[in-house]
Amino acid sequence: PLYQRLTRDVDGQLQLLGPTDVIWVYFMIAGVIAIAVTMPIAG
C-alpha cells in the first residue's frame, strides 16, 4: 500500500525489467522505513 501511495502521481504503471525487480523495489522502500525506525535505537 505504501508503494501505491508513492506512485499515485506517476502516469501509468512503472515497468519491471525482470521478475525479481519488484522484490528489490519493495526492499528499498522497506529499507528506508527500517532505517528511520533504527536511527534512535542506534543512537
Full PDB file with SEQRES, HELIX, SHEET, SSBOND, CRYST1, ORIGX, SCALE, CONECT and MASTER records, all heavy atoms in Angstrom:
SEQRES   1 A   43  PRO LEU TYR GLN ARG LEU THR ARG ASP VAL ASP GLY GLN          
SEQRES   2 A   43  LEU GLN LEU LEU GLY PRO THR ASP VAL ILE TRP VAL TYR          
SEQRES   3 A   43  PHE MET ILE ALA GLY VAL ILE ALA ILE ALA VAL THR MET          
SEQRES   4 A   43  PRO ILE ALA GLY                                              
HELIX    1 AA1 LEU A    2  LEU A    6  1                                   5    
HELIX    2 AA2 ASP A   21  ALA A   42  1                                  22    
CRYST1    1.000    1.000    1.000  90.00  90.00  90.00 P 1           1          
ORIGX1      1.000000  0.000000  0.000000        0.00000                         
ORIGX2      0.000000  1.000000  0.000000        0.00000                         
ORIGX3      0.000000  0.000000  1.000000        0.00000                         
SCALE1      1.000000  0.000000  0.000000        0.00000                         
SCALE2      0.000000  1.000000  0.000000        0.00000                         
SCALE3      0.000000  0.000000  1.000000        0.00000                         
ATOM      1  N   PRO A   1       0.818  -1.230   0.000  1.00  0.00           N  
ATOM      2  CA  PRO A   1       0.000   0.000   0.000  1.00  0.00           C  
ATOM      3  C   PRO A   1       0.842   1.267   0.000  1.00  0.00           C  
ATOM      4  O   PRO A   1       0.434   2.291  -0.576  1.00  0.00           O  
ATOM      5  CB  PRO A   1      -0.827  -0.125   1.284  1.00  0.00           C  
ATOM      6  CG  PRO A   1      -0.142  -1.152   2.114  1.00  0.00           C  
ATOM      7  CD  PRO A   1       0.511  -2.076   1.152  1.00  0.00           C  
ATOM      8  N   LEU A   2       2.022   1.212   0.616  1.00  0.00           N  
ATOM      9  CA  LEU A   2       2.909   2.375   0.586  1.00  0.00           C  
ATOM     10  C   LEU A   2       3.420   2.611  -0.828  1.00  0.00           C  
ATOM     11  O   LEU A   2       3.534   3.764  -1.275  1.00  0.00           O  
ATOM     12  CB  LEU A   2       4.081   2.164   1.555  1.00  0.00           C  
ATOM     13  CG  LEU A   2       5.067   3.321   1.681  1.00  0.00           C  
ATOM     14  CD1 LEU A   2       4.357   4.591   2.130  1.00  0.00           C  
ATOM     15  CD2 LEU A   2       6.179   2.975   2.665  1.00  0.00           C  
ATOM     16  N   TYR A   3       3.714   1.526  -1.534  1.00  0.00           N  
ATOM     17  CA  TYR A   3       4.135   1.641  -2.938  1.00  0.00           C  
ATOM     18  C   TYR A   3       3.040   2.319  -3.760  1.00  0.00           C  
ATOM     19  O   TYR A   3       3.331   3.204  -4.582  1.00  0.00           O  
ATOM     20  CB  TYR A   3       4.447   0.255  -3.489  1.00  0.00           C  
ATOM     21  CG  TYR A   3       4.651   0.226  -4.984  1.00  0.00           C  
ATOM     22  CD1 TYR A   3       5.895   0.490  -5.545  1.00  0.00           C  
ATOM     23  CD2 TYR A   3       3.589  -0.049  -5.851  1.00  0.00           C  
ATOM     24  CE1 TYR A   3       6.075   0.486  -6.923  1.00  0.00           C  
ATOM     25  CE2 TYR A   3       3.759  -0.056  -7.218  1.00  0.00           C  
ATOM     26  CZ  TYR A   3       5.008   0.209  -7.751  1.00  0.00           C  
ATOM     27  OH  TYR A   3       5.176   0.206  -9.109  1.00  0.00           O  
ATOM     28  N   GLN A   4       1.800   1.908  -3.551  1.00  0.00           N  
ATOM     29  CA  GLN A   4       0.697   2.502  -4.290  1.00  0.00           C  
ATOM     30  C   GLN A   4       0.576   3.994  -4.008  1.00  0.00           C  
ATOM     31  O   GLN A   4       0.288   4.791  -4.911  1.00  0.00           O  
ATOM     32  CB  GLN A   4      -0.616   1.788  -3.911  1.00  0.00           C  
ATOM     33  CG  GLN A   4      -0.662   0.319  -4.264  1.00  0.00           C  
ATOM     34  CD  GLN A   4      -0.641   0.072  -5.757  1.00  0.00           C  
ATOM     35  OE1 GLN A   4      -1.016   0.938  -6.548  1.00  0.00           O  
ATOM     36  NE2 GLN A   4      -0.192  -1.116  -6.155  1.00  0.00           N  
ATOM     37  N   ARG A   5       0.826   4.382  -2.775  1.00  0.00           N  
ATOM     38  CA  ARG A   5       0.726   5.801  -2.415  1.00  0.00           C  
ATOM     39  C   ARG A   5       1.872   6.602  -3.033  1.00  0.00           C  
ATOM     40  O   ARG A   5       1.660   7.726  -3.498  1.00  0.00           O  
ATOM     41  CB  ARG A   5       0.737   5.944  -0.897  1.00  0.00           C  
ATOM     42  CG  ARG A   5       0.585   7.384  -0.424  1.00  0.00           C  
ATOM     43  CD  ARG A   5       0.411   7.459   1.075  1.00  0.00           C  
ATOM     44  NE  ARG A   5       0.236   8.835   1.516  1.00  0.00           N  
ATOM     45  CZ  ARG A   5      -0.900   9.514   1.461  1.00  0.00           C  
ATOM     46  NH1 ARG A   5      -1.992   8.942   0.966  1.00  0.00           N  
ATOM     47  NH2 ARG A   5      -0.982  10.756   1.888  1.00  0.00           N  
ATOM     48  N   LEU A   6       3.062   6.039  -3.050  1.00  0.00           N  
ATOM     49  CA  LEU A   6       4.224   6.751  -3.573  1.00  0.00           C  
ATOM     50  C   LEU A   6       4.188   6.889  -5.089  1.00  0.00           C  
ATOM     51  O   LEU A   6       4.874   7.757  -5.648  1.00  0.00           O  
ATOM     52  CB  LEU A   6       5.518   6.036  -3.149  1.00  0.00           C  
ATOM     53  CG  LEU A   6       5.855   6.070  -1.655  1.00  0.00           C  
ATOM     54  CD1 LEU A   6       7.074   5.208  -1.366  1.00  0.00           C  
ATOM     55  CD2 LEU A   6       6.091   7.500  -1.178  1.00  0.00           C  
ATOM     56  N   THR A   7       3.424   6.048  -5.753  1.00  0.00           N  
ATOM     57  CA  THR A   7       3.356   6.086  -7.219  1.00  0.00           C  
ATOM     58  C   THR A   7       2.033   6.652  -7.713  1.00  0.00           C  
ATOM     59  O   THR A   7       1.710   6.517  -8.899  1.00  0.00           O  
ATOM     60  CB  THR A   7       3.557   4.669  -7.798  1.00  0.00           C  
ATOM     61  OG1 THR A   7       2.558   3.785  -7.256  1.00  0.00           O  
ATOM     62  CG2 THR A   7       4.940   4.144  -7.480  1.00  0.00           C  
ATOM     63  N   ARG A   8       1.270   7.303  -6.852  1.00  0.00           N  
ATOM     64  CA  ARG A   8      -0.048   7.783  -7.250  1.00  0.00           C  
ATOM     65  C   ARG A   8       0.045   8.904  -8.286  1.00  0.00           C  
ATOM     66  O   ARG A   8      -0.916   9.147  -9.035  1.00  0.00           O  
ATOM     67  CB  ARG A   8      -0.837   8.262  -6.035  1.00  0.00           C  
ATOM     68  CG  ARG A   8      -0.260   9.487  -5.344  1.00  0.00           C  
ATOM     69  CD  ARG A   8      -1.011   9.794  -4.051  1.00  0.00           C  
ATOM     70  NE  ARG A   8      -0.565  11.019  -3.426  1.00  0.00           N  
ATOM     71  CZ  ARG A   8       0.496  11.099  -2.644  1.00  0.00           C  
ATOM     72  NH1 ARG A   8       1.231  10.019  -2.410  1.00  0.00           N  
ATOM     73  NH2 ARG A   8       0.843  12.268  -2.098  1.00  0.00           N  
ATOM     74  N   ASP A   9       1.181   9.608  -8.337  1.00  0.00           N  
ATOM     75  CA  ASP A   9       1.327  10.713  -9.290  1.00  0.00           C  
ATOM     76  C   ASP A   9       2.010  10.284 -10.582  1.00  0.00           C  
ATOM     77  O   ASP A   9       2.243  11.127 -11.464  1.00  0.00           O  
ATOM     78  CB  ASP A   9       2.129  11.852  -8.655  1.00  0.00           C  
ATOM     79  CG  ASP A   9       1.403  12.458  -7.458  1.00  0.00           C  
ATOM     80  OD1 ASP A   9       0.157  12.480  -7.489  1.00  0.00           O  
ATOM     81  OD2 ASP A   9       2.079  12.892  -6.507  1.00  0.00           O  
ATOM     82  N   VAL A  10       2.353   9.018 -10.705  1.00  0.00           N  
ATOM     83  CA  VAL A  10       3.039   8.532 -11.903  1.00  0.00           C  
ATOM     84  C   VAL A  10       2.005   8.202 -12.974  1.00  0.00           C  
ATOM     85  O   VAL A  10       1.019   7.500 -12.705  1.00  0.00           O  
ATOM     86  CB  VAL A  10       3.879   7.281 -11.589  1.00  0.00           C  
ATOM     87  CG1 VAL A  10       4.574   6.778 -12.858  1.00  0.00           C  
ATOM     88  CG2 VAL A  10       4.902   7.603 -10.519  1.00  0.00           C  
ATOM     89  N   ASP A  11       2.214   8.706 -14.189  1.00  0.00           N  
ATOM     90  CA  ASP A  11       1.297   8.418 -15.294  1.00  0.00           C  
ATOM     91  C   ASP A  11       1.551   7.003 -15.800  1.00  0.00           C  
ATOM     92  O   ASP A  11       2.587   6.717 -16.387  1.00  0.00           O  
ATOM     93  CB  ASP A  11       1.498   9.418 -16.434  1.00  0.00           C  
ATOM     94  CG  ASP A  11       1.136  10.831 -16.014  1.00  0.00           C  
ATOM     95  OD1 ASP A  11       0.265  10.967 -15.136  1.00  0.00           O  
ATOM     96  OD2 ASP A  11       1.738  11.781 -16.547  1.00  0.00           O  
ATOM     97  N   GLY A  12       0.604   6.126 -15.557  1.00  0.00           N  
ATOM     98  CA  GLY A  12       0.778   4.744 -15.985  1.00  0.00           C  
ATOM     99  C   GLY A  12       1.565   3.947 -14.967  1.00  0.00           C  
ATOM    100  O   GLY A  12       2.112   4.483 -13.999  1.00  0.00           O  
ATOM    101  N   GLN A  13       1.645   2.656 -15.175  1.00  0.00           N  
ATOM    102  CA  GLN A  13       2.372   1.792 -14.253  1.00  0.00           C  
ATOM    103  C   GLN A  13       3.865   1.823 -14.548  1.00  0.00           C  
ATOM    104  O   GLN A  13       4.291   1.986 -15.694  1.00  0.00           O  
ATOM    105  CB  GLN A  13       1.853   0.355 -14.362  1.00  0.00           C  
ATOM    106  CG  GLN A  13       0.447   0.165 -13.812  1.00  0.00           C  
ATOM    107  CD  GLN A  13       0.028  -1.291 -13.856  1.00  0.00           C  
ATOM    108  OE1 GLN A  13       0.393  -2.015 -14.770  1.00  0.00           O  
ATOM    109  NE2 GLN A  13      -0.724  -1.709 -12.864  1.00  0.00           N  
ATOM    110  N   LEU A  14       4.655   1.669 -13.492  1.00  0.00           N  
ATOM    111  CA  LEU A  14       6.099   1.579 -13.650  1.00  0.00           C  
ATOM    112  C   LEU A  14       6.458   0.215 -14.229  1.00  0.00           C  
ATOM    113  O   LEU A  14       5.825  -0.795 -13.940  1.00  0.00           O  
ATOM    114  CB  LEU A  14       6.793   1.779 -12.305  1.00  0.00           C  
ATOM    115  CG  LEU A  14       6.579   3.143 -11.644  1.00  0.00           C  
ATOM    116  CD1 LEU A  14       7.225   3.170 -10.270  1.00  0.00           C  
ATOM    117  CD2 LEU A  14       7.128   4.256 -12.503  1.00  0.00           C  
ATOM    118  N   GLN A  15       7.519   0.187 -15.013  1.00  0.00           N  
ATOM    119  CA  GLN A  15       7.897  -1.033 -15.701  1.00  0.00           C  
ATOM    120  C   GLN A  15       8.886  -1.845 -14.873  1.00  0.00           C  
ATOM    121  O   GLN A  15       9.681  -1.290 -14.101  1.00  0.00           O  
ATOM    122  CB  GLN A  15       8.517  -0.703 -17.062  1.00  0.00           C  
ATOM    123  CG  GLN A  15       7.566   0.003 -18.007  1.00  0.00           C  
ATOM    124  CD  GLN A  15       8.192   0.266 -19.366  1.00  0.00           C  
ATOM    125  OE1 GLN A  15       9.330  -0.113 -19.606  1.00  0.00           O  
ATOM    126  NE2 GLN A  15       7.457   0.911 -20.254  1.00  0.00           N  
ATOM    127  N   LEU A  16       8.856  -3.141 -15.076  1.00  0.00           N  
ATOM    128  CA  LEU A  16       9.820  -4.065 -14.484  1.00  0.00           C  
ATOM    129  C   LEU A  16      10.603  -4.725 -15.602  1.00  0.00           C  
ATOM    130  O   LEU A  16      10.023  -5.145 -16.608  1.00  0.00           O  
ATOM    131  CB  LEU A  16       9.105  -5.141 -13.645  1.00  0.00           C  
ATOM    132  CG  LEU A  16       8.310  -4.654 -12.424  1.00  0.00           C  
ATOM    133  CD1 LEU A  16       7.601  -5.833 -11.767  1.00  0.00           C  
ATOM    134  CD2 LEU A  16       9.234  -3.977 -11.419  1.00  0.00           C  
ATOM    135  N   LEU A  17      11.905  -4.821 -15.428  1.00  0.00           N  
ATOM    136  CA  LEU A  17      12.751  -5.441 -16.446  1.00  0.00           C  
ATOM    137  C   LEU A  17      13.074  -6.893 -16.126  1.00  0.00           C  
ATOM    138  O   LEU A  17      13.710  -7.576 -16.923  1.00  0.00           O  
ATOM    139  CB  LEU A  17      14.057  -4.645 -16.595  1.00  0.00           C  
ATOM    140  CG  LEU A  17      13.892  -3.189 -17.041  1.00  0.00           C  
ATOM    141  CD1 LEU A  17      15.258  -2.528 -17.162  1.00  0.00           C  
ATOM    142  CD2 LEU A  17      13.138  -3.110 -18.361  1.00  0.00           C  
ATOM    143  N   GLY A  18      12.649  -7.349 -14.952  1.00  0.00           N  
ATOM    144  CA  GLY A  18      12.906  -8.732 -14.567  1.00  0.00           C  
ATOM    145  C   GLY A  18      11.966  -9.136 -13.456  1.00  0.00           C  
ATOM    146  O   GLY A  18      11.403  -8.279 -12.760  1.00  0.00           O  
ATOM    147  N   PRO A  19      11.789 -10.428 -13.247  1.00  0.00           N  
ATOM    148  CA  PRO A  19      10.838 -10.897 -12.228  1.00  0.00           C  
ATOM    149  C   PRO A  19      11.244 -10.552 -10.807  1.00  0.00           C  
ATOM    150  O   PRO A  19      10.394 -10.500  -9.919  1.00  0.00           O  
ATOM    151  CB  PRO A  19      10.813 -12.415 -12.442  1.00  0.00           C  
ATOM    152  CG  PRO A  19      12.100 -12.726 -13.141  1.00  0.00           C  
ATOM    153  CD  PRO A  19      12.410 -11.536 -13.990  1.00  0.00           C  
ATOM    154  N   THR A  20      12.532 -10.310 -10.568  1.00  0.00           N  
ATOM    155  CA  THR A  20      12.987 -10.003  -9.208  1.00  0.00           C  
ATOM    156  C   THR A  20      13.031  -8.506  -8.919  1.00  0.00           C  
ATOM    157  O   THR A  20      13.316  -8.110  -7.794  1.00  0.00           O  
ATOM    158  CB  THR A  20      14.383 -10.596  -8.958  1.00  0.00           C  
ATOM    159  OG1 THR A  20      15.319 -10.027  -9.903  1.00  0.00           O  
ATOM    160  CG2 THR A  20      14.377 -12.118  -9.128  1.00  0.00           C  
ATOM    161  N   ASP A  21      12.753  -7.674  -9.929  1.00  0.00           N  
ATOM    162  CA  ASP A  21      12.838  -6.221  -9.725  1.00  0.00           C  
ATOM    163  C   ASP A  21      11.873  -5.744  -8.650  1.00  0.00           C  
ATOM    164  O   ASP A  21      12.184  -4.836  -7.877  1.00  0.00           O  
ATOM    165  CB  ASP A  21      12.555  -5.481 -11.029  1.00  0.00           C  
ATOM    166  CG  ASP A  21      13.748  -5.507 -11.974  1.00  0.00           C  
ATOM    167  OD1 ASP A  21      14.756  -6.144 -11.616  1.00  0.00           O  
ATOM    168  OD2 ASP A  21      13.663  -4.899 -13.057  1.00  0.00           O  
ATOM    169  N   VAL A  22      10.672  -6.346  -8.619  1.00  0.00           N  
ATOM    170  CA  VAL A  22       9.672  -5.897  -7.653  1.00  0.00           C  
ATOM    171  C   VAL A  22      10.148  -6.145  -6.224  1.00  0.00           C  
ATOM    172  O   VAL A  22       9.863  -5.352  -5.308  1.00  0.00           O  
ATOM    173  CB  VAL A  22       8.320  -6.597  -7.916  1.00  0.00           C  
ATOM    174  CG1 VAL A  22       8.417  -8.097  -7.695  1.00  0.00           C  
ATOM    175  CG2 VAL A  22       7.230  -5.979  -7.043  1.00  0.00           C  
ATOM    176  N   ILE A  23      10.894  -7.242  -6.022  1.00  0.00           N  
ATOM    177  CA  ILE A  23      11.426  -7.529  -4.687  1.00  0.00           C  
ATOM    178  C   ILE A  23      12.404  -6.451  -4.262  1.00  0.00           C  
ATOM    179  O   ILE A  23      12.369  -5.965  -3.120  1.00  0.00           O  
ATOM    180  CB  ILE A  23      12.098  -8.911  -4.653  1.00  0.00           C  
ATOM    181  CG1 ILE A  23      11.092 -10.004  -5.023  1.00  0.00           C  
ATOM    182  CG2 ILE A  23      12.701  -9.182  -3.285  1.00  0.00           C  
ATOM    183  CD1 ILE A  23       9.942 -10.124  -4.061  1.00  0.00           C  
ATOM    184  N   TRP A  24      13.293  -6.044  -5.192  1.00  0.00           N  
ATOM    185  CA  TRP A  24      14.281  -5.010  -4.867  1.00  0.00           C  
ATOM    186  C   TRP A  24      13.598  -3.670  -4.593  1.00  0.00           C  
ATOM    187  O   TRP A  24      14.012  -2.926  -3.710  1.00  0.00           O  
ATOM    188  CB  TRP A  24      15.292  -4.874  -6.010  1.00  0.00           C  
ATOM    189  CG  TRP A  24      16.302  -5.973  -6.034  1.00  0.00           C  
ATOM    190  CD1 TRP A  24      16.411  -6.977  -6.943  1.00  0.00           C  
ATOM    191  CD2 TRP A  24      17.346  -6.196  -5.079  1.00  0.00           C  
ATOM    192  NE1 TRP A  24      17.454  -7.815  -6.623  1.00  0.00           N  
ATOM    193  CE2 TRP A  24      18.051  -7.353  -5.478  1.00  0.00           C  
ATOM    194  CE3 TRP A  24      17.749  -5.531  -3.920  1.00  0.00           C  
ATOM    195  CZ2 TRP A  24      19.123  -7.861  -4.764  1.00  0.00           C  
ATOM    196  CZ3 TRP A  24      18.825  -6.037  -3.210  1.00  0.00           C  
ATOM    197  CH2 TRP A  24      19.505  -7.183  -3.632  1.00  0.00           C  
ATOM    198  N   VAL A  25      12.554  -3.372  -5.346  1.00  0.00           N  
ATOM    199  CA  VAL A  25      11.824  -2.122  -5.126  1.00  0.00           C  
ATOM    200  C   VAL A  25      11.180  -2.114  -3.747  1.00  0.00           C  
ATOM    201  O   VAL A  25      11.282  -1.143  -2.991  1.00  0.00           O  
ATOM    202  CB  VAL A  25      10.760  -1.933  -6.225  1.00  0.00           C  
ATOM    203  CG1 VAL A  25       9.828  -0.771  -5.866  1.00  0.00           C  
ATOM    204  CG2 VAL A  25      11.415  -1.671  -7.559  1.00  0.00           C  
ATOM    205  N   TYR A  26      10.514  -3.206  -3.407  1.00  0.00           N  
ATOM    206  CA  TYR A  26       9.875  -3.299  -2.095  1.00  0.00           C  
ATOM    207  C   TYR A  26      10.905  -3.239  -0.968  1.00  0.00           C  
ATOM    208  O   TYR A  26      10.659  -2.633   0.084  1.00  0.00           O  
ATOM    209  CB  TYR A  26       9.059  -4.584  -2.000  1.00  0.00           C  
ATOM    210  CG  TYR A  26       7.739  -4.538  -2.733  1.00  0.00           C  
ATOM    211  CD1 TYR A  26       6.914  -5.653  -2.791  1.00  0.00           C  
ATOM    212  CD2 TYR A  26       7.321  -3.380  -3.373  1.00  0.00           C  
ATOM    213  CE1 TYR A  26       5.698  -5.617  -3.462  1.00  0.00           C  
ATOM    214  CE2 TYR A  26       6.114  -3.332  -4.061  1.00  0.00           C  
ATOM    215  CZ  TYR A  26       5.301  -4.449  -4.094  1.00  0.00           C  
ATOM    216  OH  TYR A  26       4.101  -4.411  -4.758  1.00  0.00           O  
ATOM    217  N   PHE A  27      12.065  -3.867  -1.185  1.00  0.00           N  
ATOM    218  CA  PHE A  27      13.105  -3.824  -0.166  1.00  0.00           C  
ATOM    219  C   PHE A  27      13.676  -2.416   0.000  1.00  0.00           C  
ATOM    220  O   PHE A  27      14.039  -2.016   1.110  1.00  0.00           O  
ATOM    221  CB  PHE A  27      14.232  -4.811  -0.501  1.00  0.00           C  
ATOM    222  CG  PHE A  27      14.081  -6.148   0.155  1.00  0.00           C  
ATOM    223  CD1 PHE A  27      13.906  -7.297  -0.598  1.00  0.00           C  
ATOM    224  CD2 PHE A  27      14.107  -6.275   1.539  1.00  0.00           C  
ATOM    225  CE1 PHE A  27      13.754  -8.538   0.004  1.00  0.00           C  
ATOM    226  CE2 PHE A  27      13.955  -7.494   2.150  1.00  0.00           C  
ATOM    227  CZ  PHE A  27      13.778  -8.632   1.381  1.00  0.00           C  
ATOM    228  N   MET A  28      13.786  -1.664  -1.102  1.00  0.00           N  
ATOM    229  CA  MET A  28      14.271  -0.286  -0.993  1.00  0.00           C  
ATOM    230  C   MET A  28      13.315   0.558  -0.160  1.00  0.00           C  
ATOM    231  O   MET A  28      13.747   1.334   0.708  1.00  0.00           O  
ATOM    232  CB  MET A  28      14.444   0.322  -2.391  1.00  0.00           C  
ATOM    233  CG  MET A  28      15.713  -0.113  -3.104  1.00  0.00           C  
ATOM    234  SD  MET A  28      16.076   0.878  -4.580  1.00  0.00           S  
ATOM    235  CE  MET A  28      14.795   0.297  -5.693  1.00  0.00           C  
ATOM    236  N   ILE A  29      12.022   0.411  -0.409  1.00  0.00           N  
ATOM    237  CA  ILE A  29      11.032   1.176   0.347  1.00  0.00           C  
ATOM    238  C   ILE A  29      11.045   0.759   1.818  1.00  0.00           C  
ATOM    239  O   ILE A  29      11.086   1.601   2.726  1.00  0.00           O  
ATOM    240  CB  ILE A  29       9.633   0.973  -0.249  1.00  0.00           C  
ATOM    241  CG1 ILE A  29       9.596   1.467  -1.695  1.00  0.00           C  
ATOM    242  CG2 ILE A  29       8.583   1.705   0.586  1.00  0.00           C  
ATOM    243  CD1 ILE A  29       8.302   1.148  -2.416  1.00  0.00           C  
ATOM    244  N   ALA A  30      11.008  -0.554   2.048  1.00  0.00           N  
ATOM    245  CA  ALA A  30      11.009  -1.052   3.424  1.00  0.00           C  
ATOM    246  C   ALA A  30      12.318  -0.703   4.130  1.00  0.00           C  
ATOM    247  O   ALA A  30      12.329  -0.453   5.339  1.00  0.00           O  
ATOM    248  CB  ALA A  30      10.803  -2.565   3.432  1.00  0.00           C  
ATOM    249  N   GLY A  31      13.415  -0.657   3.370  1.00  0.00           N  
ATOM    250  CA  GLY A  31      14.717  -0.331   3.971  1.00  0.00           C  
ATOM    251  C   GLY A  31      14.761   1.080   4.524  1.00  0.00           C  
ATOM    252  O   GLY A  31      15.322   1.317   5.598  1.00  0.00           O  
ATOM    253  N   VAL A  32      14.168   2.038   3.804  1.00  0.00           N  
ATOM    254  CA  VAL A  32      14.135   3.425   4.288  1.00  0.00           C  
ATOM    255  C   VAL A  32      13.322   3.516   5.570  1.00  0.00           C  
ATOM    256  O   VAL A  32      13.713   4.193   6.535  1.00  0.00           O  
ATOM    257  CB  VAL A  32      13.565   4.351   3.204  1.00  0.00           C  
ATOM    258  CG1 VAL A  32      13.398   5.765   3.751  1.00  0.00           C  
ATOM    259  CG2 VAL A  32      14.467   4.368   1.980  1.00  0.00           C  
ATOM    260  N   ILE A  33      12.188   2.820   5.607  1.00  0.00           N  
ATOM    261  CA  ILE A  33      11.364   2.813   6.821  1.00  0.00           C  
ATOM    262  C   ILE A  33      12.139   2.184   7.978  1.00  0.00           C  
ATOM    263  O   ILE A  33      12.122   2.688   9.110  1.00  0.00           O  
ATOM    264  CB  ILE A  33      10.057   2.038   6.574  1.00  0.00           C  
ATOM    265  CG1 ILE A  33       9.239   2.726   5.480  1.00  0.00           C  
ATOM    266  CG2 ILE A  33       9.236   1.933   7.852  1.00  0.00           C  
ATOM    267  CD1 ILE A  33       8.012   1.953   5.051  1.00  0.00           C  
ATOM    268  N   ALA A  34      12.827   1.072   7.689  1.00  0.00           N  
ATOM    269  CA  ALA A  34      13.596   0.396   8.733  1.00  0.00           C  
ATOM    270  C   ALA A  34      14.725   1.277   9.263  1.00  0.00           C  
ATOM    271  O   ALA A  34      15.011   1.288  10.464  1.00  0.00           O  
ATOM    272  CB  ALA A  34      14.166  -0.920   8.190  1.00  0.00           C  
ATOM    273  N   ILE A  35      15.352   2.050   8.379  1.00  0.00           N  
ATOM    274  CA  ILE A  35      16.416   2.963   8.814  1.00  0.00           C  
ATOM    275  C   ILE A  35      15.858   4.032   9.744  1.00  0.00           C  
ATOM    276  O   ILE A  35      16.449   4.358  10.781  1.00  0.00           O  
ATOM    277  CB  ILE A  35      17.103   3.613   7.600  1.00  0.00           C  
ATOM    278  CG1 ILE A  35      17.913   2.566   6.829  1.00  0.00           C  
ATOM    279  CG2 ILE A  35      18.019   4.750   8.036  1.00  0.00           C  
ATOM    280  CD1 ILE A  35      18.483   3.080   5.524  1.00  0.00           C  
ATOM    281  N   ALA A  36      14.678   4.580   9.380  1.00  0.00           N  
ATOM    282  CA  ALA A  36      14.054   5.608  10.217  1.00  0.00           C  
ATOM    283  C   ALA A  36      13.728   5.066  11.606  1.00  0.00           C  
ATOM    284  O   ALA A  36      13.896   5.765  12.612  1.00  0.00           O  
ATOM    285  CB  ALA A  36      12.786   6.129   9.541  1.00  0.00           C  
ATOM    286  N   VAL A  37      13.272   3.811  11.668  1.00  0.00           N  
ATOM    287  CA  VAL A  37      12.951   3.200  12.961  1.00  0.00           C  
ATOM    288  C   VAL A  37      14.224   2.900  13.744  1.00  0.00           C  
ATOM    289  O   VAL A  37      14.271   3.055  14.979  1.00  0.00           O  
ATOM    290  CB  VAL A  37      12.138   1.903  12.746  1.00  0.00           C  
ATOM    291  CG1 VAL A  37      11.951   1.157  14.061  1.00  0.00           C  
ATOM    292  CG2 VAL A  37      10.785   2.223  12.127  1.00  0.00           C  
ATOM    293  N   THR A  38      15.275   2.513  13.044  1.00  0.00           N  
ATOM    294  CA  THR A  38      16.509   2.078  13.702  1.00  0.00           C  
ATOM    295  C   THR A  38      17.355   3.240  14.202  1.00  0.00           C  
ATOM    296  O   THR A  38      18.130   3.072  15.150  1.00  0.00           O  
ATOM    297  CB  THR A  38      17.336   1.206  12.733  1.00  0.00           C  
ATOM    298  OG1 THR A  38      16.520   0.142  12.231  1.00  0.00           O  
ATOM    299  CG2 THR A  38      18.544   0.600  13.430  1.00  0.00           C  
ATOM    300  N   MET A  39      17.211   4.421  13.590  1.00  0.00           N  
ATOM    301  CA  MET A  39      18.086   5.551  13.928  1.00  0.00           C  
ATOM    302  C   MET A  39      18.121   5.850  15.425  1.00  0.00           C  
ATOM    303  O   MET A  39      19.205   5.931  16.020  1.00  0.00           O  
ATOM    304  CB  MET A  39      17.665   6.788  13.139  1.00  0.00           C  
ATOM    305  CG  MET A  39      17.998   6.724  11.664  1.00  0.00           C  
ATOM    306  SD  MET A  39      19.764   6.805  11.312  1.00  0.00           S  
ATOM    307  CE  MET A  39      20.075   8.534  11.579  1.00  0.00           C  
ATOM    308  N   PRO A  40      16.979   6.042  16.105  1.00  0.00           N  
ATOM    309  CA  PRO A  40      17.056   6.329  17.547  1.00  0.00           C  
ATOM    310  C   PRO A  40      17.588   5.154  18.357  1.00  0.00           C  
ATOM    311  O   PRO A  40      18.261   5.366  19.365  1.00  0.00           O  
ATOM    312  CB  PRO A  40      15.605   6.657  17.930  1.00  0.00           C  
ATOM    313  CG  PRO A  40      14.772   6.075  16.852  1.00  0.00           C  
ATOM    314  CD  PRO A  40      15.587   6.124  15.608  1.00  0.00           C  
ATOM    315  N   ILE A  41      17.297   3.924  17.916  1.00  0.00           N  
ATOM    316  CA  ILE A  41      17.828   2.754  18.617  1.00  0.00           C  
ATOM    317  C   ILE A  41      19.346   2.706  18.485  1.00  0.00           C  
ATOM    318  O   ILE A  41      20.061   2.426  19.461  1.00  0.00           O  
ATOM    319  CB  ILE A  41      17.206   1.455  18.063  1.00  0.00           C  
ATOM    320  CG1 ILE A  41      15.675   1.520  18.134  1.00  0.00           C  
ATOM    321  CG2 ILE A  41      17.735   0.245  18.809  1.00  0.00           C  
ATOM    322  CD1 ILE A  41      15.133   1.672  19.529  1.00  0.00           C  
ATOM    323  N   ALA A  42      19.834   3.006  17.283  1.00  0.00           N  
ATOM    324  CA  ALA A  42      21.279   3.036  17.068  1.00  0.00           C  
ATOM    325  C   ALA A  42      21.924   4.122  17.927  1.00  0.00           C  
ATOM    326  O   ALA A  42      22.997   3.926  18.509  1.00  0.00           O  
ATOM    327  CB  ALA A  42      21.584   3.268  15.588  1.00  0.00           C  
ATOM    328  N   GLY A  43      21.259   5.289  18.009  1.00  0.00           N  
ATOM    329  CA  GLY A  43      21.774   6.359  18.855  1.00  0.00           C  
ATOM    330  C   GLY A  43      21.832   5.949  20.314  1.00  0.00           C  
ATOM    331  O   GLY A  43      22.801   6.271  21.026  1.00  0.00           O  
TER     332      GLY A  43                                                      
MASTER        0    0    0    2    0    0    0    6  331    1    0    4          
END                                                                             
